[in-house]
Amino acid sequence: MSEIDIEDVDNPEFRRFARVVVECDGAGFITRVNHSDFHGNAVSHDVETMAGSKTMLHKNLPPDKVHTVYR
């Protein structure tokens, strides 16, 4: 696994379809990249379930907790 490159996650196609593993306790798709979220993170990610059911798995997750599985 490798950490997500910020340049990649700014690409809308990658953001929507990249499969990721999150903190080793779940997997999902990045659905949004947040800039300056309310937790004070410069960049954070919203991740939904693998099924794509729009059920939020994680919100405002820092980039160091999100790793790519494949593209």
Protein backbone atom coordinates (compact mmCIF):
# COMPACT_ATOMS: atom_id res chain seq x y z
CA MET A 1 0.00 0.00 0.00
CA SER A 2 1.12 3.53 -0.61
CA GLU A 3 -0.11 6.82 0.71
CA ILE A 4 -2.38 8.77 -1.59
CA ASP A 5 -0.66 11.51 -3.55
CA ILE A 6 -2.48 14.81 -3.02
CA GLU A 7 -2.21 15.53 -6.76
CA ASP A 8 -4.12 12.29 -7.45
CA VAL A 9 -6.95 12.97 -5.03
CA ASP A 10 -7.53 16.40 -6.54
CA ASN A 11 -8.45 14.61 -9.78
CA PRO A 12 -12.27 14.13 -9.69
CA GLU A 13 -12.11 10.67 -11.32
CA PHE A 14 -9.59 9.39 -8.79
CA ARG A 15 -11.51 10.95 -5.95
CA ARG A 16 -14.69 9.13 -6.90
CA PHE A 17 -13.39 5.73 -8.00
CA ALA A 18 -10.18 5.07 -6.08
CA ARG A 19 -10.43 2.12 -3.74
CA VAL A 20 -8.81 2.77 -0.39
CA VAL A 21 -8.21 1.08 2.93
CA VAL A 22 -8.78 3.29 5.96
CA GLU A 23 -6.92 2.84 9.24
CA CYS A 24 -6.91 -0.94 8.61
CA ASP A 25 -10.51 -1.15 9.85
CA GLY A 26 -12.55 -0.47 6.76
CA ALA A 27 -12.45 0.03 3.03
CA GLY A 28 -14.28 2.42 0.79
CA PHE A 29 -14.17 5.00 -1.96
CA ILE A 30 -12.92 8.55 -1.54
CA THR A 31 -15.90 10.74 -2.37
CA ARG A 32 -14.59 14.15 -1.42
CA VAL A 33 -11.36 15.97 -0.68
CA ASN A 34 -11.84 18.73 1.87
CA HIS A 35 -9.50 21.71 2.10
CA SER A 36 -9.31 23.47 5.49
CA ASP A 37 -11.96 21.37 7.24
CA PHE A 38 -13.46 22.25 10.60
CA HIS A 39 -10.92 20.04 12.44
CA GLY A 40 -8.12 22.34 11.29
CA ASN A 41 -6.70 19.86 8.75
CA ALA A 42 -5.30 21.46 5.60
CA VAL A 43 -6.61 18.47 3.62
CA SER A 44 -8.92 15.64 4.67
CA HIS A 45 -11.00 12.99 2.92
CA ASP A 46 -14.56 11.73 3.09
CA VAL A 47 -14.83 7.98 2.43
CA GLU A 48 -17.99 6.00 1.72
CA THR A 49 -18.59 2.24 1.92
CA MET A 50 -17.25 -0.15 -0.71
CA ALA A 51 -20.78 -0.93 -1.88
CA GLY A 52 -21.13 2.66 -3.03
CA SER A 53 -24.36 2.95 -1.07
CA LYS A 54 -23.48 6.51 -0.10
CA THR A 55 -23.19 5.41 3.53
CA MET A 56 -20.41 7.50 5.05
CA LEU A 57 -17.61 5.36 6.47
CA HIS A 58 -15.33 8.19 7.54
CA LYS A 59 -15.56 11.97 7.33
CA ASN A 60 -12.68 14.48 7.52
CA LEU A 61 -10.04 11.73 7.63
CA PRO A 62 -6.42 13.01 7.48
CA PRO A 63 -4.39 11.85 4.43
CA ASP A 64 -1.95 9.82 6.57
CA LYS A 65 -4.84 7.50 7.51
CA VAL A 66 -5.87 6.77 3.91
CA HIS A 67 -3.92 4.33 1.71
CA THR A 68 -4.50 3.24 -1.89
CA VAL A 69 -5.26 -0.38 -2.69
CA TYR A 70 -5.41 -0.01 -6.48
CA ARG A 71 -6.66 2.38 -9.11
